[in-house]
Amino acid sequence: MTSMLEPGTINPRHQSHLIIAGIVLLVLMLLSGIRPYDQATWLMEVLPVMIVLPLLAFSYKTFPLSTLLYGLVFVHALVLMLGGHYSYARVPLGFELAELFNLSRNPYDKIGHFMQGLVPAIAAREILLRGHYVQGRRMLAFLVICVVLAISACYELIEWAAAVVLGQGADEFLGTQGDPWDTQSDMGFALLGGITALLLLSRWHDQAMALLPGHHHAR
């Protein structure tokens, strides 16, 4: 006989699914590091995954995240590892998209920056709501977008620093492909990702957070 879990109770199956997902990501990360196009680029691209995965594992008992956010982190990690292995300007999927939409450049890096807005938007939304740091949907949306743009700007500064330190060796990491407006378009796609998260995922996110232990939704 199967008993229904009350909202706010951690499902043991949820824990096992997260463990499996973590193992899958570790295996895929190791595979992505086998003969990448550029070793330094691979390291810089997957470094966020190396940092975030242990943090999520150690924080699970004290601050478990919503299933939606864990799922988005998983997908974002896949995007980063694929881009790190091939370098963003050489990802095969990007060439297929460029041919499909008649684009002049490989657009895979824009997928990465879109996810760089989408996933932090949900993460920021979850922290702000669960911590009761903000009330009111308009202020919530404003602060979430501010966080998204701040993260995007910080990443562009990191790219700039890499270009200064590494010189031409940073070309694969930057992935500008000769576009003088690449930095601005990167931030534009992050902004688009953040707006998409708020418009399309907010209700789903609320439902996912309602299942977390001790969650009281602040409106």
N, C-alpha and C. Protein backbone atom coordinates (compact mmCIF):
# COMPACT_ATOMS: atom_id res chain seq x y z
N MET A 1 0.85 -1.20 0.00
CA MET A 1 0.00 0.00 0.00
C MET A 1 0.88 1.24 0.00
N THR A 2 0.59 2.16 -0.92
CA THR A 2 1.40 3.36 -1.07
C THR A 2 0.75 4.52 -0.35
N SER A 3 1.50 5.20 0.51
CA SER A 3 0.97 6.36 1.24
C SER A 3 1.33 7.63 0.51
N MET A 4 0.40 8.57 0.54
CA MET A 4 0.64 9.86 -0.09
C MET A 4 1.47 10.74 0.85
N LEU A 5 2.46 11.41 0.28
CA LEU A 5 3.29 12.31 1.08
C LEU A 5 2.61 13.67 1.18
N GLU A 6 2.61 14.23 2.37
CA GLU A 6 2.06 15.57 2.55
C GLU A 6 3.00 16.60 1.92
N PRO A 7 2.44 17.73 1.43
CA PRO A 7 3.31 18.80 0.95
C PRO A 7 4.29 19.22 2.04
N GLY A 8 5.54 19.46 1.64
CA GLY A 8 6.55 19.85 2.61
C GLY A 8 7.32 18.68 3.17
N THR A 9 7.03 17.45 2.69
CA THR A 9 7.77 16.27 3.12
C THR A 9 8.71 15.83 2.00
N ILE A 10 9.98 15.64 2.33
CA ILE A 10 10.94 15.22 1.32
C ILE A 10 10.65 13.79 0.89
N ASN A 11 10.51 13.58 -0.39
CA ASN A 11 10.29 12.26 -0.95
C ASN A 11 11.62 11.55 -1.10
N PRO A 12 11.79 10.36 -0.50
CA PRO A 12 13.05 9.63 -0.66
C PRO A 12 13.39 9.35 -2.12
N ARG A 13 12.37 9.18 -2.95
CA ARG A 13 12.62 8.95 -4.36
C ARG A 13 13.22 10.18 -5.02
N HIS A 14 12.84 11.34 -4.49
CA HIS A 14 13.40 12.60 -5.00
C HIS A 14 14.89 12.64 -4.72
N GLN A 15 15.30 12.19 -3.53
CA GLN A 15 16.71 12.16 -3.19
C GLN A 15 17.48 11.22 -4.11
N SER A 16 16.91 10.04 -4.34
CA SER A 16 17.60 9.07 -5.19
C SER A 16 17.72 9.58 -6.62
N HIS A 17 16.69 10.29 -7.10
CA HIS A 17 16.74 10.85 -8.45
C HIS A 17 17.84 11.90 -8.54
N LEU A 18 17.99 12.71 -7.49
CA LEU A 18 19.04 13.72 -7.50
C LEU A 18 20.43 13.09 -7.48
N ILE A 19 20.58 12.03 -6.73
CA ILE A 19 21.87 11.34 -6.69
C ILE A 19 22.22 10.78 -8.06
N ILE A 20 21.22 10.17 -8.71
CA ILE A 20 21.45 9.62 -10.05
C ILE A 20 21.81 10.74 -11.03
N ALA A 21 21.08 11.85 -10.95
CA ALA A 21 21.36 12.98 -11.83
C ALA A 21 22.77 13.52 -11.61
N GLY A 22 23.19 13.58 -10.33
CA GLY A 22 24.55 14.05 -10.02
C GLY A 22 25.61 13.12 -10.59
N ILE A 23 25.38 11.84 -10.48
CA ILE A 23 26.33 10.86 -11.02
C ILE A 23 26.41 10.97 -12.54
N VAL A 24 25.24 11.12 -13.17
CA VAL A 24 25.20 11.28 -14.63
C VAL A 24 26.01 12.50 -15.05
N LEU A 25 25.83 13.61 -14.33
CA LEU A 25 26.57 14.83 -14.68
C LEU A 25 28.07 14.64 -14.50
N LEU A 26 28.47 13.97 -13.44
CA LEU A 26 29.90 13.73 -13.22
C LEU A 26 30.50 12.90 -14.34
N VAL A 27 29.78 11.87 -14.75
CA VAL A 27 30.26 11.01 -15.84
C VAL A 27 30.36 11.81 -17.14
N LEU A 28 29.32 12.57 -17.44
CA LEU A 28 29.32 13.37 -18.66
C LEU A 28 30.41 14.45 -18.63
N MET A 29 30.67 15.00 -17.45
CA MET A 29 31.73 15.99 -17.34
C MET A 29 33.09 15.36 -17.62
N LEU A 30 33.31 14.16 -17.12
CA LEU A 30 34.56 13.46 -17.39
C LEU A 30 34.69 13.15 -18.88
N LEU A 31 33.59 12.73 -19.49
CA LEU A 31 33.62 12.43 -20.92
C LEU A 31 33.87 13.69 -21.74
N SER A 32 33.30 14.80 -21.31
CA SER A 32 33.50 16.05 -22.05
C SER A 32 34.94 16.52 -21.97
N GLY A 33 35.66 16.08 -20.94
CA GLY A 33 37.06 16.47 -20.79
C GLY A 33 38.04 15.60 -21.54
N ILE A 34 37.53 14.59 -22.24
CA ILE A 34 38.40 13.72 -23.04
C ILE A 34 38.64 14.36 -24.40
N ARG A 35 39.85 14.76 -24.66
CA ARG A 35 40.26 15.37 -25.91
C ARG A 35 39.34 16.52 -26.35
N PRO A 36 39.15 17.51 -25.49
CA PRO A 36 38.35 18.68 -25.92
C PRO A 36 39.12 19.46 -26.97
N TYR A 37 38.42 20.35 -27.66
CA TYR A 37 39.08 21.15 -28.69
C TYR A 37 40.20 21.99 -28.08
N ASP A 38 39.94 22.57 -26.92
CA ASP A 38 40.95 23.37 -26.23
C ASP A 38 40.82 23.10 -24.73
N GLN A 39 41.88 22.60 -24.12
CA GLN A 39 41.81 22.18 -22.72
C GLN A 39 41.49 23.35 -21.78
N ALA A 40 42.11 24.49 -22.02
CA ALA A 40 41.87 25.65 -21.15
C ALA A 40 40.43 26.12 -21.26
N THR A 41 39.90 26.12 -22.48
CA THR A 41 38.50 26.53 -22.68
C THR A 41 37.56 25.58 -21.98
N TRP A 42 37.84 24.28 -22.10
CA TRP A 42 36.99 23.29 -21.42
C TRP A 42 36.97 23.55 -19.92
N LEU A 43 38.14 23.79 -19.34
CA LEU A 43 38.22 24.00 -17.90
C LEU A 43 37.43 25.23 -17.48
N MET A 44 37.57 26.32 -18.22
CA MET A 44 36.87 27.55 -17.86
C MET A 44 35.36 27.41 -18.01
N GLU A 45 34.93 26.63 -19.01
CA GLU A 45 33.49 26.49 -19.24
C GLU A 45 32.82 25.56 -18.23
N VAL A 46 33.51 24.51 -17.81
CA VAL A 46 32.89 23.55 -16.89
C VAL A 46 33.17 23.89 -15.43
N LEU A 47 34.00 24.91 -15.19
CA LEU A 47 34.31 25.30 -13.82
C LEU A 47 33.05 25.63 -13.01
N PRO A 48 32.06 26.34 -13.59
CA PRO A 48 30.83 26.57 -12.81
C PRO A 48 30.15 25.28 -12.37
N VAL A 49 30.19 24.26 -13.22
CA VAL A 49 29.59 22.97 -12.86
C VAL A 49 30.36 22.34 -11.70
N MET A 50 31.69 22.44 -11.75
CA MET A 50 32.52 21.89 -10.68
C MET A 50 32.26 22.58 -9.35
N ILE A 51 31.90 23.84 -9.40
CA ILE A 51 31.64 24.61 -8.18
C ILE A 51 30.23 24.35 -7.66
N VAL A 52 29.25 24.37 -8.57
CA VAL A 52 27.84 24.30 -8.17
C VAL A 52 27.44 22.92 -7.67
N LEU A 53 27.92 21.86 -8.32
CA LEU A 53 27.50 20.51 -7.92
C LEU A 53 27.81 20.20 -6.46
N PRO A 54 29.03 20.44 -5.97
CA PRO A 54 29.29 20.19 -4.55
C PRO A 54 28.44 21.08 -3.64
N LEU A 55 28.21 22.34 -4.04
CA LEU A 55 27.39 23.23 -3.23
C LEU A 55 25.96 22.70 -3.11
N LEU A 56 25.41 22.20 -4.20
CA LEU A 56 24.06 21.65 -4.16
C LEU A 56 23.99 20.40 -3.30
N ALA A 57 25.05 19.59 -3.37
CA ALA A 57 25.07 18.36 -2.57
C ALA A 57 25.14 18.68 -1.08
N PHE A 58 26.00 19.62 -0.70
CA PHE A 58 26.19 19.94 0.71
C PHE A 58 25.01 20.72 1.30
N SER A 59 24.29 21.44 0.45
CA SER A 59 23.19 22.27 0.95
C SER A 59 21.84 21.56 0.92
N TYR A 60 21.81 20.33 0.43
CA TYR A 60 20.52 19.66 0.22
C TYR A 60 19.74 19.48 1.53
N LYS A 61 20.42 19.08 2.58
CA LYS A 61 19.72 18.82 3.84
C LYS A 61 19.22 20.09 4.51
N THR A 62 19.98 21.15 4.40
CA THR A 62 19.60 22.40 5.07
C THR A 62 18.75 23.31 4.20
N PHE A 63 18.94 23.25 2.88
CA PHE A 63 18.18 24.13 1.99
C PHE A 63 17.97 23.43 0.64
N PRO A 64 17.10 22.41 0.63
CA PRO A 64 16.83 21.73 -0.65
C PRO A 64 16.10 22.66 -1.60
N LEU A 65 16.44 22.58 -2.86
CA LEU A 65 15.82 23.44 -3.87
C LEU A 65 14.62 22.74 -4.49
N SER A 66 13.86 23.49 -5.24
CA SER A 66 12.70 22.92 -5.92
C SER A 66 13.17 21.99 -7.03
N THR A 67 12.31 21.03 -7.35
CA THR A 67 12.63 20.09 -8.42
C THR A 67 12.85 20.82 -9.74
N LEU A 68 12.06 21.85 -9.99
CA LEU A 68 12.22 22.63 -11.22
C LEU A 68 13.62 23.22 -11.31
N LEU A 69 14.10 23.81 -10.22
CA LEU A 69 15.41 24.44 -10.24
C LEU A 69 16.51 23.41 -10.42
N TYR A 70 16.41 22.28 -9.74
CA TYR A 70 17.40 21.22 -9.94
C TYR A 70 17.43 20.78 -11.40
N GLY A 71 16.26 20.63 -12.00
CA GLY A 71 16.19 20.21 -13.40
C GLY A 71 16.83 21.23 -14.33
N LEU A 72 16.59 22.51 -14.08
CA LEU A 72 17.18 23.55 -14.91
C LEU A 72 18.70 23.59 -14.76
N VAL A 73 19.19 23.39 -13.55
CA VAL A 73 20.64 23.34 -13.33
C VAL A 73 21.25 22.18 -14.12
N PHE A 74 20.55 21.05 -14.13
CA PHE A 74 21.03 19.88 -14.88
C PHE A 74 21.17 20.22 -16.37
N VAL A 75 20.13 20.82 -16.94
CA VAL A 75 20.17 21.17 -18.36
C VAL A 75 21.26 22.20 -18.65
N HIS A 76 21.39 23.20 -17.77
CA HIS A 76 22.41 24.22 -17.95
C HIS A 76 23.81 23.60 -17.92
N ALA A 77 24.00 22.64 -17.04
CA ALA A 77 25.30 21.96 -16.96
C ALA A 77 25.62 21.24 -18.27
N LEU A 78 24.60 20.63 -18.87
CA LEU A 78 24.81 19.95 -20.16
C LEU A 78 25.23 20.95 -21.24
N VAL A 79 24.59 22.11 -21.26
CA VAL A 79 24.93 23.15 -22.22
C VAL A 79 26.37 23.59 -22.05
N LEU A 80 26.80 23.79 -20.81
CA LEU A 80 28.16 24.23 -20.52
C LEU A 80 29.19 23.17 -20.92
N MET A 81 28.90 21.91 -20.61
CA MET A 81 29.86 20.85 -20.90
C MET A 81 30.01 20.63 -22.41
N LEU A 82 28.91 20.71 -23.14
CA LEU A 82 28.98 20.56 -24.59
C LEU A 82 29.76 21.71 -25.21
N GLY A 83 29.49 22.93 -24.74
CA GLY A 83 30.23 24.08 -25.23
C GLY A 83 31.70 24.02 -24.86
N GLY A 84 32.00 23.48 -23.68
CA GLY A 84 33.38 23.37 -23.26
C GLY A 84 34.15 22.34 -24.07
N HIS A 85 33.51 21.26 -24.44
CA HIS A 85 34.19 20.19 -25.19
C HIS A 85 34.55 20.64 -26.61
N TYR A 86 33.59 21.23 -27.30
CA TYR A 86 33.84 21.62 -28.70
C TYR A 86 34.38 23.03 -28.83
N SER A 87 34.19 23.87 -27.84
CA SER A 87 34.27 25.33 -27.85
C SER A 87 32.99 25.80 -28.53
N TYR A 88 32.42 26.88 -28.03
CA TYR A 88 31.08 27.30 -28.42
C TYR A 88 30.95 27.54 -29.93
N ALA A 89 31.98 28.07 -30.54
CA ALA A 89 31.90 28.39 -31.97
C ALA A 89 31.95 27.16 -32.85
N ARG A 90 32.20 25.97 -32.27
CA ARG A 90 32.37 24.75 -33.06
C ARG A 90 31.40 23.63 -32.66
N VAL A 91 30.42 23.92 -31.84
CA VAL A 91 29.46 22.89 -31.44
C VAL A 91 28.63 22.48 -32.65
N PRO A 92 28.58 21.20 -32.98
CA PRO A 92 27.82 20.74 -34.17
C PRO A 92 26.37 21.18 -34.18
N LEU A 93 25.71 21.16 -33.03
CA LEU A 93 24.32 21.60 -32.96
C LEU A 93 24.18 23.04 -33.44
N GLY A 94 25.15 23.86 -33.10
CA GLY A 94 25.11 25.26 -33.52
C GLY A 94 25.19 25.40 -35.02
N PHE A 95 26.02 24.58 -35.68
CA PHE A 95 26.11 24.63 -37.13
C PHE A 95 24.79 24.22 -37.78
N GLU A 96 24.13 23.23 -37.19
CA GLU A 96 22.83 22.81 -37.71
C GLU A 96 21.80 23.92 -37.56
N LEU A 97 21.83 24.61 -36.43
CA LEU A 97 20.90 25.73 -36.23
C LEU A 97 21.21 26.88 -37.19
N ALA A 98 22.50 27.12 -37.42
CA ALA A 98 22.89 28.19 -38.34
C ALA A 98 22.40 27.89 -39.75
N GLU A 99 22.49 26.63 -40.15
CA GLU A 99 22.01 26.25 -41.48
C GLU A 99 20.49 26.31 -41.56
N LEU A 100 19.84 25.86 -40.49
CA LEU A 100 18.39 25.84 -40.46
C LEU A 100 17.79 27.24 -40.55
N PHE A 101 18.39 28.19 -39.83
CA PHE A 101 17.85 29.55 -39.78
C PHE A 101 18.63 30.53 -40.65
N ASN A 102 19.54 30.00 -41.46
CA ASN A 102 20.33 30.82 -42.39
C ASN A 102 21.09 31.92 -41.66
N LEU A 103 21.81 31.52 -40.62
CA LEU A 103 22.59 32.46 -39.82
C LEU A 103 24.02 32.52 -40.31
N SER A 104 24.68 33.63 -40.06
CA SER A 104 26.07 33.81 -40.52
C SER A 104 27.09 33.29 -39.52
N ARG A 105 26.66 32.87 -38.34
CA ARG A 105 27.59 32.40 -37.31
C ARG A 105 26.94 31.26 -36.53
N ASN A 106 27.79 30.52 -35.82
CA ASN A 106 27.32 29.46 -34.94
C ASN A 106 26.65 30.10 -33.72
N PRO A 107 25.34 29.85 -33.49
CA PRO A 107 24.63 30.55 -32.42
C PRO A 107 24.61 29.80 -31.08
N TYR A 108 25.41 28.74 -30.96
CA TYR A 108 25.30 27.92 -29.74
C TYR A 108 25.62 28.74 -28.49
N ASP A 109 26.54 29.70 -28.60
CA ASP A 109 26.88 30.49 -27.42
C ASP A 109 25.68 31.29 -26.92
N LYS A 110 24.77 31.65 -27.84
CA LYS A 110 23.59 32.40 -27.42
C LYS A 110 22.64 31.51 -26.62
N ILE A 111 22.63 30.20 -26.92
CA ILE A 111 21.87 29.27 -26.10
C ILE A 111 22.43 29.28 -24.68
N GLY A 112 23.76 29.27 -24.59
CA GLY A 112 24.40 29.32 -23.28
C GLY A 112 24.04 30.56 -22.49
N HIS A 113 24.02 31.70 -23.16
CA HIS A 113 23.70 32.95 -22.46
C HIS A 113 22.21 33.05 -22.15
N PHE A 114 21.37 32.46 -22.98
CA PHE A 114 19.95 32.39 -22.66
C PHE A 114 19.74 31.60 -21.38
N MET A 115 20.44 30.47 -21.27
CA MET A 115 20.35 29.66 -20.04
C MET A 115 20.97 30.40 -18.87
N GLN A 116 21.97 31.24 -19.14
CA GLN A 116 22.60 32.02 -18.08
C GLN A 116 21.63 33.05 -17.50
N GLY A 117 20.58 33.35 -18.25
CA GLY A 117 19.53 34.21 -17.71
C GLY A 117 18.38 33.42 -17.13
N LEU A 118 18.00 32.33 -17.79
CA LEU A 118 16.86 31.53 -17.38
C LEU A 118 17.07 30.88 -16.01
N VAL A 119 18.19 30.21 -15.82
CA VAL A 119 18.43 29.45 -14.59
C VAL A 119 18.68 30.38 -13.39
N PRO A 120 19.55 31.39 -13.48
CA PRO A 120 19.70 32.31 -12.36
C PRO A 120 18.40 33.04 -12.00
N ALA A 121 17.53 33.26 -12.99
CA ALA A 121 16.26 33.93 -12.69
C ALA A 121 15.42 33.09 -11.74
N ILE A 122 15.33 31.79 -12.01
CA ILE A 122 14.56 30.91 -11.14
C ILE A 122 15.26 30.75 -9.79
N ALA A 123 16.59 30.69 -9.80
CA ALA A 123 17.34 30.58 -8.54
C ALA A 123 17.11 31.84 -7.68
N ALA A 124 17.22 33.01 -8.29
CA ALA A 124 17.01 34.26 -7.56
C ALA A 124 15.57 34.36 -7.06
N ARG A 125 14.63 33.96 -7.90
CA ARG A 125 13.22 33.99 -7.51
C ARG A 125 12.97 33.10 -6.30
N GLU A 126 13.59 31.93 -6.30
CA GLU A 126 13.39 30.99 -5.20
C GLU A 126 13.98 31.53 -3.90
N ILE A 127 15.16 32.07 -3.97
CA ILE A 127 15.81 32.61 -2.77
C ILE A 127 15.03 33.80 -2.22
N LEU A 128 14.61 34.70 -3.11
CA LEU A 128 13.89 35.89 -2.67
C LEU A 128 12.54 35.54 -2.03
N LEU A 129 11.83 34.57 -2.62
CA LEU A 129 10.53 34.19 -2.08
C LEU A 129 10.65 33.38 -0.80
N ARG A 130 11.52 32.40 -0.79
CA ARG A 130 11.63 31.53 0.38
C ARG A 130 12.24 32.26 1.57
N GLY A 131 13.08 33.24 1.29
CA GLY A 131 13.68 34.02 2.37
C GLY A 131 12.82 35.19 2.81
N HIS A 132 11.68 35.36 2.13
CA HIS A 132 10.76 36.47 2.45
C HIS A 132 11.48 37.82 2.35
N TYR A 133 12.35 37.94 1.33
CA TYR A 133 13.10 39.17 1.17
C TYR A 133 12.33 40.23 0.41
N VAL A 134 11.26 39.83 -0.27
CA VAL A 134 10.52 40.78 -1.10
C VAL A 134 9.06 40.37 -1.12
N GLN A 135 8.21 41.35 -1.22
CA GLN A 135 6.78 41.11 -1.37
C GLN A 135 6.28 41.90 -2.57
N GLY A 136 5.33 41.31 -3.28
CA GLY A 136 4.80 41.98 -4.47
C GLY A 136 5.45 41.43 -5.71
N ARG A 137 4.64 41.06 -6.68
CA ARG A 137 5.14 40.43 -7.90
C ARG A 137 5.99 41.38 -8.75
N ARG A 138 5.62 42.65 -8.77
CA ARG A 138 6.38 43.58 -9.60
C ARG A 138 7.79 43.79 -9.07
N MET A 139 7.92 43.98 -7.76
CA MET A 139 9.25 44.15 -7.18
C MET A 139 10.05 42.86 -7.31
N LEU A 140 9.39 41.72 -7.15
CA LEU A 140 10.07 40.42 -7.33
C LEU A 140 10.64 40.32 -8.73
N ALA A 141 9.82 40.61 -9.74
CA ALA A 141 10.28 40.52 -11.12
C ALA A 141 11.43 41.48 -11.39
N PHE A 142 11.33 42.70 -10.85
CA PHE A 142 12.39 43.69 -11.04
C PHE A 142 13.71 43.21 -10.46
N LEU A 143 13.68 42.70 -9.23
CA LEU A 143 14.91 42.24 -8.58
C LEU A 143 15.49 41.01 -9.27
N VAL A 144 14.63 40.12 -9.72
CA VAL A 144 15.11 38.94 -10.44
C VAL A 144 15.86 39.35 -11.71
N ILE A 145 15.29 40.27 -12.46
CA ILE A 145 15.96 40.73 -13.68
C ILE A 145 17.26 41.45 -13.35
N CYS A 146 17.29 42.21 -12.25
CA CYS A 146 18.53 42.87 -11.82
C CYS A 146 19.62 41.84 -11.53
N VAL A 147 19.25 40.76 -10.86
CA VAL A 147 20.21 39.71 -10.55
C VAL A 147 20.72 39.06 -11.84
N VAL A 148 19.83 38.79 -12.76
CA VAL A 148 20.21 38.18 -14.03
C VAL A 148 21.22 39.05 -14.78
N LEU A 149 20.93 40.33 -14.88
CA LEU A 149 21.84 41.23 -15.60
C LEU A 149 23.16 41.41 -14.86
N ALA A 150 23.12 41.39 -13.53
CA ALA A 150 24.35 41.49 -12.75
C ALA A 150 25.25 40.28 -12.99
N ILE A 151 24.65 39.09 -12.99
CA ILE A 151 25.43 37.87 -13.24
C ILE A 151 26.00 37.89 -14.65
N SER A 152 25.18 38.30 -15.62
CA SER A 152 25.65 38.36 -17.00
C SER A 152 26.80 39.36 -17.15
N ALA A 153 26.67 40.51 -16.51
CA ALA A 153 27.74 41.51 -16.57
C ALA A 153 29.02 40.99 -15.94
N CYS A 154 28.90 40.30 -14.80
CA CYS A 154 30.08 39.73 -14.15
C CYS A 154 30.78 38.72 -15.05
N TYR A 155 29.98 37.92 -15.75
CA TYR A 155 30.57 36.92 -16.65
C TYR A 155 31.31 37.61 -17.80
N GLU A 156 30.73 38.68 -18.32
CA GLU A 156 31.40 39.41 -19.39
C GLU A 156 32.70 40.04 -18.89
N LEU A 157 32.73 40.48 -17.64
CA LEU A 157 33.97 41.02 -17.07
C LEU A 157 35.02 39.92 -16.93
N ILE A 158 34.57 38.72 -16.57
CA ILE A 158 35.49 37.58 -16.49
C ILE A 158 36.08 37.29 -17.87
N GLU A 159 35.23 37.33 -18.90
CA GLU A 159 35.71 37.10 -20.26
C GLU A 159 36.72 38.18 -20.66
N TRP A 160 36.42 39.42 -20.28
CA TRP A 160 37.35 40.51 -20.59
C TRP A 160 38.69 40.29 -19.90
N ALA A 161 38.65 39.88 -18.62
CA ALA A 161 39.89 39.62 -17.88
C ALA A 161 40.66 38.47 -18.52
N ALA A 162 39.95 37.44 -18.98
CA ALA A 162 40.62 36.32 -19.64
C ALA A 162 41.29 36.77 -20.92
N ALA A 163 40.62 37.67 -21.65
CA ALA A 163 41.20 38.18 -22.89
C ALA A 163 42.47 38.97 -22.61
N VAL A 164 42.47 39.75 -21.53
CA VAL A 164 43.65 40.55 -21.18
C VAL A 164 44.81 39.65 -20.75
N VAL A 165 44.51 38.65 -19.94
CA VAL A 165 45.56 37.77 -19.42
C VAL A 165 46.07 36.79 -20.47
N LEU A 166 45.15 36.20 -21.22
CA LEU A 166 45.53 35.14 -22.16
C LEU A 166 45.79 35.64 -23.57
N GLY A 167 45.38 36.83 -23.88
CA GLY A 167 45.57 37.35 -25.23
C GLY A 167 44.79 36.54 -26.24
N GLN A 168 45.44 36.19 -27.34
CA GLN A 168 44.79 35.42 -28.40
C GLN A 168 44.33 34.06 -27.91
N GLY A 169 44.95 33.56 -26.86
CA GLY A 169 44.56 32.25 -26.33
C GLY A 169 43.16 32.22 -25.75
N ALA A 170 42.56 33.40 -25.57
CA ALA A 170 41.21 33.45 -25.01
C ALA A 170 40.13 33.45 -26.09
N ASP A 171 40.52 33.39 -27.36
CA ASP A 171 39.55 33.49 -28.44
C ASP A 171 38.48 32.41 -28.36
N GLU A 172 38.88 31.18 -28.04
CA GLU A 172 37.92 30.10 -27.99
C GLU A 172 36.96 30.27 -26.82
N PHE A 173 37.45 30.80 -25.71
CA PHE A 173 36.61 31.03 -24.54
C PHE A 173 35.62 32.17 -24.81
N LEU A 174 36.09 33.21 -25.49
CA LEU A 174 35.23 34.35 -25.78
C LEU A 174 34.17 34.00 -26.81
N GLY A 175 34.57 33.29 -27.86
CA GLY A 175 33.63 32.85 -28.88
C GLY A 175 32.91 33.98 -29.58
N THR A 176 33.57 35.12 -29.78
CA THR A 176 32.91 36.27 -30.41
C THR A 176 32.64 36.06 -31.89
N GLN A 177 33.44 35.23 -32.54
CA GLN A 177 33.29 34.94 -33.97
C GLN A 177 33.27 36.21 -34.81
N GLY A 178 34.07 37.17 -34.40
CA GLY A 178 34.19 38.41 -35.17
C GLY A 178 33.06 39.40 -34.98
N ASP A 179 32.15 39.16 -34.04
CA ASP A 179 31.01 40.05 -33.82
C ASP A 179 31.42 41.15 -32.84
N PRO A 180 31.47 42.42 -33.29
CA PRO A 180 31.88 43.50 -32.38
C PRO A 180 30.85 43.78 -31.28
N TRP A 181 29.61 43.30 -31.46
CA TRP A 181 28.55 43.52 -30.48
C TRP A 181 28.24 42.25 -29.69
N ASP A 182 29.19 41.35 -29.65
CA ASP A 182 28.95 40.06 -29.01
C ASP A 182 28.62 40.20 -27.53
N THR A 183 29.34 41.07 -26.83
CA THR A 183 29.09 41.27 -25.40
C THR A 183 27.67 41.76 -25.14
N GLN A 184 27.24 42.73 -25.93
CA GLN A 184 25.90 43.27 -25.74
C GLN A 184 24.83 42.23 -26.07
N SER A 185 25.04 41.47 -27.13
CA SER A 185 24.04 40.46 -27.50
C SER A 185 24.01 39.33 -26.48
N ASP A 186 25.17 39.01 -25.89
CA ASP A 186 25.21 38.00 -24.82
C ASP A 186 24.32 38.43 -23.66
N MET A 187 24.46 39.67 -23.25
CA MET A 187 23.65 40.17 -22.14
C MET A 187 22.18 40.27 -22.55
N GLY A 188 21.94 40.56 -23.82
CA GLY A 188 20.56 40.61 -24.31
C GLY A 188 19.89 39.25 -24.24
N PHE A 189 20.63 38.20 -24.58
CA PHE A 189 20.06 36.85 -24.51
C PHE A 189 19.87 36.41 -23.06
N ALA A 190 20.76 36.83 -22.17
CA ALA A 190 20.55 36.54 -20.75
C ALA A 190 19.29 37.22 -20.24
N LEU A 191 19.09 38.48 -20.66
CA LEU A 191 17.88 39.21 -20.29
C LEU A 191 16.64 38.49 -20.82
N LEU A 192 16.73 38.03 -22.07
CA LEU A 192 15.61 37.29 -22.66
C LEU A 192 15.32 36.01 -21.88
N GLY A 193 16.39 35.33 -21.45
CA GLY A 193 16.20 34.12 -20.65
C GLY A 193 15.52 34.41 -19.33
N GLY A 194 15.91 35.51 -18.69
CA GLY A 194 15.29 35.89 -17.42
C GLY A 194 13.82 36.24 -17.58
N ILE A 195 13.50 36.98 -18.62
CA ILE A 195 12.10 37.35 -18.87
C ILE A 195 11.28 36.11 -19.19
N THR A 196 11.85 35.21 -19.98
CA THR A 196 11.15 33.96 -20.32
C THR A 196 10.85 33.15 -19.07
N ALA A 197 11.81 33.08 -18.16
CA ALA A 197 11.61 32.34 -16.91
C ALA A 197 10.44 32.92 -16.12
N LEU A 198 10.38 34.24 -16.02
CA LEU A 198 9.32 34.87 -15.25
C LEU A 198 7.95 34.68 -15.90
N LEU A 199 7.90 34.79 -17.22
CA LEU A 199 6.63 34.72 -17.92
C LEU A 199 6.08 33.29 -18.03
N LEU A 200 6.97 32.33 -18.26
CA LEU A 200 6.51 30.98 -18.57
C LEU A 200 6.65 29.98 -17.42
N LEU A 201 7.54 30.26 -16.47
CA LEU A 201 7.83 29.25 -15.45
C LEU A 201 7.38 29.63 -14.04
N SER A 202 6.91 30.83 -13.84
CA SER A 202 6.59 31.28 -12.48
C SER A 202 5.54 30.41 -11.80
N ARG A 203 4.46 30.11 -12.49
CA ARG A 203 3.41 29.31 -11.87
C ARG A 203 3.91 27.90 -11.56
N TRP A 204 4.63 27.30 -12.49
CA TRP A 204 5.22 25.98 -12.28
C TRP A 204 6.18 26.02 -11.10
N HIS A 205 6.95 27.11 -11.03
CA HIS A 205 7.91 27.26 -9.94
C HIS A 205 7.21 27.36 -8.59
N ASP A 206 6.11 28.10 -8.53
CA ASP A 206 5.34 28.21 -7.29
C ASP A 206 4.85 26.83 -6.82
N GLN A 207 4.36 26.05 -7.77
CA GLN A 207 3.88 24.71 -7.44
C GLN A 207 5.00 23.82 -6.94
N ALA A 208 6.17 23.93 -7.56
CA ALA A 208 7.32 23.12 -7.14
C ALA A 208 7.80 23.52 -5.75
N MET A 209 7.82 24.83 -5.46
CA MET A 209 8.26 25.27 -4.14
C MET A 209 7.27 24.89 -3.05
N ALA A 210 5.99 24.78 -3.39
CA ALA A 210 4.98 24.42 -2.41
C ALA A 210 5.19 23.02 -1.85
N LEU A 211 5.95 22.20 -2.54
CA LEU A 211 6.22 20.84 -2.09
C LEU A 211 7.44 20.73 -1.20
N LEU A 212 8.14 21.85 -1.01
CA LEU A 212 9.36 21.83 -0.20
C LEU A 212 9.03 21.84 1.29
N PRO A 213 9.93 21.26 2.11
CA PRO A 213 9.68 21.21 3.57
C PRO A 213 9.55 22.61 4.16
N GLY A 214 8.45 22.83 4.90
CA GLY A 214 8.28 24.08 5.63
C GLY A 214 8.10 25.30 4.78
N HIS A 215 7.69 25.10 3.53
CA HIS A 215 7.58 26.27 2.66
C HIS A 215 6.26 26.99 2.90
N HIS A 216 6.38 28.31 3.04
CA HIS A 216 5.21 29.18 3.14
C HIS A 216 5.39 30.27 2.09
N HIS A 217 4.55 30.24 1.12
CA HIS A 217 4.69 31.16 -0.01
C HIS A 217 4.40 32.59 0.44
N ALA A 218 5.35 33.47 0.14
CA ALA A 218 5.17 34.90 0.43
C ALA A 218 4.65 35.60 -0.81
N ARG A 219 3.56 36.35 -0.65
CA ARG A 219 3.00 37.08 -1.79
C ARG A 219 3.02 38.59 -1.49
